Amino acid sequence: MHAFAPLAYAAMPAFAGIAVPVLIVAIVWEIVLKGFGLWHAARCSQKWWFVAMLIFNTLGILPIVYLIWFRTDARTPAHESSAAA
């Protein structure tokens, strides 16, 4: 078993030291954006967006798309927001 120990170190890429911090940042980014998107979808009663964001992990891309283009303002009634457009 000791004869193969150097092979384990040779297989590790040089960027492995930066992989853990990048992974932590990606996880935090996903949790924050997903939480914000899910919160807005639930408040606006948009169940399909809620389910899509809950199921698919897209590194924050789906919540960003929802929050920028498809989010409705929860303070404005639905009939006023559609009449204004």
PDB file of N, CA and C in Angstrom:
ATOM      1  N   MET A   1       0.812  -1.183   0.000  1.00  0.00           N
ATOM      2  CA  MET A   1       0.000   0.000   0.000  1.00  0.00           C
ATOM      3  C   MET A   1       0.863   1.256   0.000  1.00  0.00           C
ATOM      4  N   HIS A   2       1.979   1.230   0.661  1.00  0.00           N
ATOM      5  CA  HIS A   2       2.847   2.400   0.720  1.00  0.00           C
ATOM      6  C   HIS A   2       3.520   2.687  -0.610  1.00  0.00           C
ATOM      7  N   ALA A   3       3.634   1.711  -1.455  1.00  0.00           N
ATOM      8  CA  ALA A   3       4.295   1.920  -2.737  1.00  0.00           C
ATOM      9  C   ALA A   3       3.467   2.814  -3.649  1.00  0.00           C
ATOM     10  N   PHE A   4       2.160   2.885  -3.452  1.00  0.00           N
ATOM     11  CA  PHE A   4       1.298   3.684  -4.315  1.00  0.00           C
ATOM     12  C   PHE A   4       0.987   5.068  -3.750  1.00  0.00           C
ATOM     13  N   ALA A   5       1.471   5.397  -2.579  1.00  0.00           N
ATOM     14  CA  ALA A   5       1.193   6.692  -1.956  1.00  0.00           C
ATOM     15  C   ALA A   5       1.663   7.870  -2.813  1.00  0.00           C
ATOM     16  N   PRO A   6       2.836   7.852  -3.453  1.00  0.00           N
ATOM     17  CA  PRO A   6       3.236   8.998  -4.288  1.00  0.00           C
ATOM     18  C   PRO A   6       2.305   9.207  -5.486  1.00  0.00           C
ATOM     19  N   LEU A   7       1.671   8.156  -5.949  1.00  0.00           N
ATOM     20  CA  LEU A   7       0.763   8.306  -7.076  1.00  0.00           C
ATOM     21  C   LEU A   7      -0.467   9.142  -6.700  1.00  0.00           C
ATOM     22  N   ALA A   8      -0.880   9.061  -5.457  1.00  0.00           N
ATOM     23  CA  ALA A   8      -2.035   9.848  -5.019  1.00  0.00           C
ATOM     24  C   ALA A   8      -1.719  11.340  -5.085  1.00  0.00           C
ATOM     25  N   TYR A   9      -0.508  11.729  -4.724  1.00  0.00           N
ATOM     26  CA  TYR A   9      -0.129  13.138  -4.784  1.00  0.00           C
ATOM     27  C   TYR A   9       0.094  13.609  -6.213  1.00  0.00           C
ATOM     28  N   ALA A  10       0.535  12.748  -7.067  1.00  0.00           N
ATOM     29  CA  ALA A  10       0.775  13.113  -8.460  1.00  0.00           C
ATOM     30  C   ALA A  10      -0.535  13.341  -9.200  1.00  0.00           C
ATOM     31  N   ALA A  11      -1.608  12.690  -8.772  1.00  0.00           N
ATOM     32  CA  ALA A  11      -2.894  12.823  -9.443  1.00  0.00           C
ATOM     33  C   ALA A  11      -3.622  14.103  -9.053  1.00  0.00           C
ATOM     34  N   MET A  12      -3.213  14.775  -7.960  1.00  0.00           N
ATOM     35  CA  MET A  12      -3.877  15.986  -7.510  1.00  0.00           C
ATOM     36  C   MET A  12      -3.410  17.174  -8.368  1.00  0.00           C
ATOM     37  N   PRO A  13      -4.350  17.901  -8.974  1.00  0.00           N
ATOM     38  CA  PRO A  13      -3.951  19.032  -9.809  1.00  0.00           C
ATOM     39  C   PRO A  13      -3.393  20.186  -8.983  1.00  0.00           C
ATOM     40  N   ALA A  14      -2.683  21.083  -9.645  1.00  0.00           N
ATOM     41  CA  ALA A  14      -2.035  22.195  -8.974  1.00  0.00           C
ATOM     42  C   ALA A  14      -3.038  23.188  -8.410  1.00  0.00           C
ATOM     43  N   PHE A  15      -4.230  23.288  -8.982  1.00  0.00           N
ATOM     44  CA  PHE A  15      -5.227  24.261  -8.531  1.00  0.00           C
ATOM     45  C   PHE A  15      -6.137  23.722  -7.433  1.00  0.00           C
ATOM     46  N   ALA A  16      -5.814  22.583  -6.849  1.00  0.00           N
ATOM     47  CA  ALA A  16      -6.676  21.987  -5.826  1.00  0.00           C
ATOM     48  C   ALA A  16      -6.771  22.862  -4.580  1.00  0.00           C
ATOM     49  N   GLY A  17      -5.773  23.669  -4.300  1.00  0.00           N
ATOM     50  CA  GLY A  17      -5.802  24.536  -3.133  1.00  0.00           C
ATOM     51  C   GLY A  17      -6.812  25.655  -3.254  1.00  0.00           C
ATOM     52  N   ILE A  18      -7.135  26.063  -4.465  1.00  0.00           N
ATOM     53  CA  ILE A  18      -8.111  27.129  -4.672  1.00  0.00           C
ATOM     54  C   ILE A  18      -9.520  26.571  -4.875  1.00  0.00           C
ATOM     55  N   ALA A  19      -9.655  25.286  -5.088  1.00  0.00           N
ATOM     56  CA  ALA A  19     -10.952  24.676  -5.373  1.00  0.00           C
ATOM     57  C   ALA A  19     -11.912  24.791  -4.186  1.00  0.00           C
ATOM     58  N   VAL A  20     -11.425  24.628  -2.983  1.00  0.00           N
ATOM     59  CA  VAL A  20     -12.293  24.672  -1.802  1.00  0.00           C
ATOM     60  C   VAL A  20     -12.873  26.074  -1.587  1.00  0.00           C
ATOM     61  N   PRO A  21     -12.078  27.148  -1.616  1.00  0.00           N
ATOM     62  CA  PRO A  21     -12.678  28.483  -1.466  1.00  0.00           C
ATOM     63  C   PRO A  21     -13.655  28.832  -2.586  1.00  0.00           C
ATOM     64  N   VAL A  22     -13.353  28.440  -3.805  1.00  0.00           N
ATOM     65  CA  VAL A  22     -14.260  28.705  -4.922  1.00  0.00           C
ATOM     66  C   VAL A  22     -15.566  27.943  -4.728  1.00  0.00           C
ATOM     67  N   LEU A  23     -15.486  26.726  -4.261  1.00  0.00           N
ATOM     68  CA  LEU A  23     -16.681  25.931  -3.995  1.00  0.00           C
ATOM     69  C   LEU A  23     -17.523  26.552  -2.880  1.00  0.00           C
ATOM     70  N   ILE A  24     -16.884  27.049  -1.846  1.00  0.00           N
ATOM     71  CA  ILE A  24     -17.613  27.696  -0.750  1.00  0.00           C
ATOM     72  C   ILE A  24     -18.321  28.954  -1.239  1.00  0.00           C
ATOM     73  N   VAL A  25     -17.641  29.765  -2.036  1.00  0.00           N
ATOM     74  CA  VAL A  25     -18.255  30.980  -2.589  1.00  0.00           C
ATOM     75  C   VAL A  25     -19.440  30.611  -3.486  1.00  0.00           C
ATOM     76  N   ALA A  26     -19.299  29.577  -4.303  1.00  0.00           N
ATOM     77  CA  ALA A  26     -20.384  29.147  -5.188  1.00  0.00           C
ATOM     78  C   ALA A  26     -21.589  28.658  -4.390  1.00  0.00           C
ATOM     79  N   ILE A  27     -21.356  27.947  -3.309  1.00  0.00           N
ATOM     80  CA  ILE A  27     -22.451  27.453  -2.477  1.00  0.00           C
ATOM     81  C   ILE A  27     -23.180  28.607  -1.808  1.00  0.00           C
ATOM     82  N   VAL A  28     -22.438  29.550  -1.261  1.00  0.00           N
ATOM     83  CA  VAL A  28     -23.062  30.709  -0.619  1.00  0.00           C
ATOM     84  C   VAL A  28     -23.846  31.522  -1.643  1.00  0.00           C
ATOM     85  N   TRP A  29     -23.268  31.740  -2.823  1.00  0.00           N
ATOM     86  CA  TRP A  29     -23.935  32.473  -3.905  1.00  0.00           C
ATOM     87  C   TRP A  29     -25.263  31.804  -4.260  1.00  0.00           C
ATOM     88  N   GLU A  30     -25.247  30.491  -4.426  1.00  0.00           N
ATOM     89  CA  GLU A  30     -26.460  29.745  -4.782  1.00  0.00           C
ATOM     90  C   GLU A  30     -27.514  29.835  -3.687  1.00  0.00           C
ATOM     91  N   ILE A  31     -27.112  29.696  -2.441  1.00  0.00           N
ATOM     92  CA  ILE A  31     -28.067  29.737  -1.332  1.00  0.00           C
ATOM     93  C   ILE A  31     -28.718  31.111  -1.222  1.00  0.00           C
ATOM     94  N   VAL A  32     -27.931  32.168  -1.330  1.00  0.00           N
ATOM     95  CA  VAL A  32     -28.475  33.526  -1.204  1.00  0.00           C
ATOM     96  C   VAL A  32     -29.441  33.832  -2.344  1.00  0.00           C
ATOM     97  N   LEU A  33     -29.024  33.602  -3.581  1.00  0.00           N
ATOM     98  CA  LEU A  33     -29.892  33.903  -4.712  1.00  0.00           C
ATOM     99  C   LEU A  33     -31.124  33.011  -4.745  1.00  0.00           C
ATOM    100  N   LYS A  34     -30.957  31.741  -4.437  1.00  0.00           N
ATOM    101  CA  LYS A  34     -32.109  30.834  -4.421  1.00  0.00           C
ATOM    102  C   LYS A  34     -33.087  31.236  -3.328  1.00  0.00           C
ATOM    103  N   GLY A  35     -32.591  31.579  -2.162  1.00  0.00           N
ATOM    104  CA  GLY A  35     -33.468  32.008  -1.081  1.00  0.00           C
ATOM    105  C   GLY A  35     -34.227  33.278  -1.429  1.00  0.00           C
ATOM    106  N   PHE A  36     -33.545  34.243  -2.002  1.00  0.00           N
ATOM    107  CA  PHE A  36     -34.181  35.502  -2.394  1.00  0.00           C
ATOM    108  C   PHE A  36     -35.233  35.257  -3.477  1.00  0.00           C
ATOM    109  N   GLY A  37     -34.895  34.448  -4.475  1.00  0.00           N
ATOM    110  CA  GLY A  37     -35.837  34.130  -5.545  1.00  0.00           C
ATOM    111  C   GLY A  37     -37.035  33.339  -5.055  1.00  0.00           C
ATOM    112  N   LEU A  38     -36.800  32.347  -4.206  1.00  0.00           N
ATOM    113  CA  LEU A  38     -37.902  31.553  -3.661  1.00  0.00           C
ATOM    114  C   LEU A  38     -38.821  32.407  -2.802  1.00  0.00           C
ATOM    115  N   TRP A  39     -38.255  33.312  -2.044  1.00  0.00           N
ATOM    116  CA  TRP A  39     -39.049  34.183  -1.185  1.00  0.00           C
ATOM    117  C   TRP A  39     -39.979  35.059  -2.025  1.00  0.00           C
ATOM    118  N   HIS A  40     -39.424  35.658  -3.090  1.00  0.00           N
ATOM    119  CA  HIS A  40     -40.249  36.505  -3.954  1.00  0.00           C
ATOM    120  C   HIS A  40     -41.301  35.688  -4.709  1.00  0.00           C
ATOM    121  N   ALA A  41     -40.945  34.527  -5.189  1.00  0.00           N
ATOM    122  CA  ALA A  41     -41.917  33.691  -5.910  1.00  0.00           C
ATOM    123  C   ALA A  41     -43.055  33.266  -4.986  1.00  0.00           C
ATOM    124  N   ALA A  42     -42.747  32.940  -3.745  1.00  0.00           N
ATOM    125  CA  ALA A  42     -43.789  32.539  -2.803  1.00  0.00           C
ATOM    126  C   ALA A  42     -44.697  33.719  -2.450  1.00  0.00           C
ATOM    127  N   ARG A  43     -44.129  34.890  -2.258  1.00  0.00           N
ATOM    128  CA  ARG A  43     -44.937  36.069  -1.919  1.00  0.00           C
ATOM    129  C   ARG A  43     -45.839  36.493  -3.059  1.00  0.00           C
ATOM    130  N   CYS A  44     -45.400  36.256  -4.289  1.00  0.00           N
ATOM    131  CA  CYS A  44     -46.193  36.654  -5.454  1.00  0.00           C
ATOM    132  C   CYS A  44     -47.077  35.511  -5.963  1.00  0.00           C
ATOM    133  N   SER A  45     -47.141  34.416  -5.246  1.00  0.00           N
ATOM    134  CA  SER A  45     -47.954  33.245  -5.613  1.00  0.00           C
ATOM    135  C   SER A  45     -47.613  32.713  -7.004  1.00  0.00           C
ATOM    136  N   GLN A  46     -46.352  32.678  -7.340  1.00  0.00           N
ATOM    137  CA  GLN A  46     -45.894  32.129  -8.615  1.00  0.00           C
ATOM    138  C   GLN A  46     -45.313  30.738  -8.352  1.00  0.00           C
ATOM    139  N   LYS A  47     -46.234  29.764  -8.245  1.00  0.00           N
ATOM    140  CA  LYS A  47     -45.812  28.434  -7.817  1.00  0.00           C
ATOM    141  C   LYS A  47     -44.907  27.729  -8.816  1.00  0.00           C
ATOM    142  N   TRP A  48     -45.053  27.971 -10.107  1.00  0.00           N
ATOM    143  CA  TRP A  48     -44.193  27.297 -11.086  1.00  0.00           C
ATOM    144  C   TRP A  48     -42.759  27.786 -10.995  1.00  0.00           C
ATOM    145  N   TRP A  49     -42.566  29.066 -10.772  1.00  0.00           N
ATOM    146  CA  TRP A  49     -41.218  29.584 -10.569  1.00  0.00           C
ATOM    147  C   TRP A  49     -40.628  29.034  -9.278  1.00  0.00           C
ATOM    148  N   PHE A  50     -41.442  28.964  -8.237  1.00  0.00           N
ATOM    149  CA  PHE A  50     -40.984  28.430  -6.964  1.00  0.00           C
ATOM    150  C   PHE A  50     -40.494  26.994  -7.125  1.00  0.00           C
ATOM    151  N   VAL A  51     -41.290  26.161  -7.786  1.00  0.00           N
ATOM    152  CA  VAL A  51     -40.929  24.760  -7.981  1.00  0.00           C
ATOM    153  C   VAL A  51     -39.684  24.636  -8.856  1.00  0.00           C
ATOM    154  N   ALA A  52     -39.602  25.423  -9.920  1.00  0.00           N
ATOM    155  CA  ALA A  52     -38.441  25.358 -10.813  1.00  0.00           C
ATOM    156  C   ALA A  52     -37.158  25.735 -10.075  1.00  0.00           C
ATOM    157  N   MET A  53     -37.208  26.811  -9.291  1.00  0.00           N
ATOM    158  CA  MET A  53     -36.011  27.220  -8.545  1.00  0.00           C
ATOM    159  C   MET A  53     -35.666  26.242  -7.433  1.00  0.00           C
ATOM    160  N   LEU A  54     -36.676  25.593  -6.874  1.00  0.00           N
ATOM    161  CA  LEU A  54     -36.435  24.628  -5.808  1.00  0.00           C
ATOM    162  C   LEU A  54     -35.768  23.366  -6.352  1.00  0.00           C
ATOM    163  N   ILE A  55     -36.159  22.936  -7.543  1.00  0.00           N
ATOM    164  CA  ILE A  55     -35.656  21.678  -8.106  1.00  0.00           C
ATOM    165  C   ILE A  55     -34.302  21.845  -8.788  1.00  0.00           C
ATOM    166  N   PHE A  56     -34.163  22.869  -9.616  1.00  0.00           N
ATOM    167  CA  PHE A  56     -32.968  23.008 -10.444  1.00  0.00           C
ATOM    168  C   PHE A  56     -31.902  23.861  -9.753  1.00  0.00           C
ATOM    169  N   ASN A  57     -30.688  23.320  -9.692  1.00  0.00           N
ATOM    170  CA  ASN A  57     -29.546  24.066  -9.168  1.00  0.00           C
ATOM    171  C   ASN A  57     -28.748  24.598 -10.356  1.00  0.00           C
ATOM    172  N   THR A  58     -28.842  25.898 -10.585  1.00  0.00           N
ATOM    173  CA  THR A  58     -28.211  26.489 -11.764  1.00  0.00           C
ATOM    174  C   THR A  58     -27.150  27.512 -11.391  1.00  0.00           C
ATOM    175  N   LEU A  59     -26.622  27.434 -10.187  1.00  0.00           N
ATOM    176  CA  LEU A  59     -25.596  28.354  -9.694  1.00  0.00           C
ATOM    177  C   LEU A  59     -26.094  29.794  -9.719  1.00  0.00           C
ATOM    178  N   GLY A  60     -27.373  29.969  -9.453  1.00  0.00           N
ATOM    179  CA  GLY A  60     -27.938  31.303  -9.345  1.00  0.00           C
ATOM    180  C   GLY A  60     -28.464  31.896 -10.631  1.00  0.00           C
ATOM    181  N   ILE A  61     -28.323  31.198 -11.752  1.00  0.00           N
ATOM    182  CA  ILE A  61     -28.758  31.766 -13.031  1.00  0.00           C
ATOM    183  C   ILE A  61     -30.280  31.845 -13.096  1.00  0.00           C
ATOM    184  N   LEU A  62     -30.989  30.788 -12.743  1.00  0.00           N
ATOM    185  CA  LEU A  62     -32.451  30.795 -12.781  1.00  0.00           C
ATOM    186  C   LEU A  62     -33.047  31.829 -11.817  1.00  0.00           C
ATOM    187  N   PRO A  63     -32.552  31.934 -10.571  1.00  0.00           N
ATOM    188  CA  PRO A  63     -33.084  32.995  -9.713  1.00  0.00           C
ATOM    189  C   PRO A  63     -32.802  34.403 -10.239  1.00  0.00           C
ATOM    190  N   ILE A  64     -31.650  34.614 -10.858  1.00  0.00           N
ATOM    191  CA  ILE A  64     -31.339  35.934 -11.420  1.00  0.00           C
ATOM    192  C   ILE A  64     -32.304  36.255 -12.553  1.00  0.00           C
ATOM    193  N   VAL A  65     -32.554  35.285 -13.436  1.00  0.00           N
ATOM    194  CA  VAL A  65     -33.494  35.492 -14.543  1.00  0.00           C
ATOM    195  C   VAL A  65     -34.874  35.826 -13.994  1.00  0.00           C
ATOM    196  N   TYR A  66     -35.300  35.078 -12.994  1.00  0.00           N
ATOM    197  CA  TYR A  66     -36.618  35.338 -12.405  1.00  0.00           C
ATOM    198  C   TYR A  66     -36.667  36.730 -11.764  1.00  0.00           C
ATOM    199  N   LEU A  67     -35.679  37.049 -10.956  1.00  0.00           N
ATOM    200  CA  LEU A  67     -35.703  38.319 -10.226  1.00  0.00           C
ATOM    201  C   LEU A  67     -35.619  39.528 -11.153  1.00  0.00           C
ATOM    202  N   ILE A  68     -34.923  39.416 -12.256  1.00  0.00           N
ATOM    203  CA  ILE A  68     -34.781  40.565 -13.160  1.00  0.00           C
ATOM    204  C   ILE A  68     -35.972  40.701 -14.101  1.00  0.00           C
ATOM    205  N   TRP A  69     -36.423  39.594 -14.714  1.00  0.00           N
ATOM    206  CA  TRP A  69     -37.414  39.707 -15.781  1.00  0.00           C
ATOM    207  C   TRP A  69     -38.831  39.253 -15.432  1.00  0.00           C
ATOM    208  N   PHE A  70     -39.000  38.327 -14.519  1.00  0.00           N
ATOM    209  CA  PHE A  70     -40.311  37.727 -14.321  1.00  0.00           C
ATOM    210  C   PHE A  70     -40.946  38.003 -12.961  1.00  0.00           C
ATOM    211  N   ARG A  71     -40.265  38.670 -12.085  1.00  0.00           N
ATOM    212  CA  ARG A  71     -40.816  38.954 -10.759  1.00  0.00           C
ATOM    213  C   ARG A  71     -41.878  40.034 -10.875  1.00  0.00           C
ATOM    214  N   THR A  72     -42.994  39.819 -10.198  1.00  0.00           N
ATOM    215  CA  THR A  72     -44.014  40.853 -10.120  1.00  0.00           C
ATOM    216  C   THR A  72     -43.914  41.521  -8.762  1.00  0.00           C
ATOM    217  N   ASP A  73     -44.352  42.766  -8.687  1.00  0.00           N
ATOM    218  CA  ASP A  73     -44.298  43.493  -7.436  1.00  0.00           C
ATOM    219  C   ASP A  73     -45.437  43.024  -6.547  1.00  0.00           C
ATOM    220  N   ALA A  74     -45.125  42.518  -5.367  1.00  0.00           N
ATOM    221  CA  ALA A  74     -46.143  41.964  -4.475  1.00  0.00           C
ATOM    222  C   ALA A  74     -47.056  43.048  -3.923  1.00  0.00           C
ATOM    223  N   ARG A  75     -46.617  44.299  -3.919  1.00  0.00           N
ATOM    224  CA  ARG A  75     -47.432  45.380  -3.371  1.00  0.00           C
ATOM    225  C   ARG A  75     -48.479  45.870  -4.355  1.00  0.00           C
ATOM    226  N   THR A  76     -48.293  45.589  -5.653  1.00  0.00           N
ATOM    227  CA  THR A  76     -49.233  46.026  -6.680  1.00  0.00           C
ATOM    228  C   THR A  76     -50.223  44.909  -6.970  1.00  0.00           C
ATOM    229  N   PRO A  77     -51.528  45.164  -6.915  1.00  0.00           N
ATOM    230  CA  PRO A  77     -52.499  44.126  -7.266  1.00  0.00           C
ATOM    231  C   PRO A  77     -52.317  43.683  -8.715  1.00  0.00           C
ATOM    232  N   ALA A  78     -52.671  42.432  -8.993  1.00  0.00           N
ATOM    233  CA  ALA A  78     -52.430  41.854 -10.312  1.00  0.00           C
ATOM    234  C   ALA A  78     -53.177  42.591 -11.412  1.00  0.00           C
ATOM    235  N   HIS A  79     -54.389  43.065 -11.157  1.00  0.00           N
ATOM    236  CA  HIS A  79     -55.154  43.729 -12.220  1.00  0.00           C
ATOM    237  C   HIS A  79     -54.574  45.095 -12.559  1.00  0.00           C
ATOM    238  N   GLU A  80     -53.919  45.770 -11.600  1.00  0.00           N
ATOM    239  CA  GLU A  80     -53.320  47.070 -11.900  1.00  0.00           C
ATOM    240  C   GLU A  80     -52.018  46.909 -12.665  1.00  0.00           C
ATOM    241  N   SER A  81     -51.214  45.886 -12.336  1.00  0.00           N
ATOM    242  CA  SER A  81     -49.940  45.707 -13.020  1.00  0.00           C
ATOM    243  C   SER A  81     -50.140  45.290 -14.461  1.00  0.00           C
ATOM    244  N   SER A  82     -51.180  44.502 -14.766  1.00  0.00           N
ATOM    245  CA  SER A  82     -51.423  44.086 -16.143  1.00  0.00           C
ATOM    246  C   SER A  82     -52.081  45.204 -16.939  1.00  0.00           C
ATOM    247  N   ALA A  83     -52.853  46.076 -16.281  1.00  0.00           N
ATOM    248  CA  ALA A  83     -53.499  47.188 -16.981  1.00  0.00           C
ATOM    249  C   ALA A  83     -52.501  48.272 -17.334  1.00  0.00           C
ATOM    250  N   ALA A  84     -51.458  48.415 -16.533  1.00  0.00           N
ATOM    251  CA  ALA A  84     -50.459  49.450 -16.779  1.00  0.00           C
ATOM    252  C   ALA A  84     -49.547  49.085 -17.926  1.00  0.00           C
ATOM    253  N   ALA A  85     -49.381  47.799 -18.193  1.00  0.00           N
ATOM    254  CA  ALA A  85     -48.464  47.362 -19.248  1.00  0.00           C
ATOM    255  C   ALA A  85     -49.041  47.474 -20.617  1.00  0.00           C
TER     256      ALA A  85
END
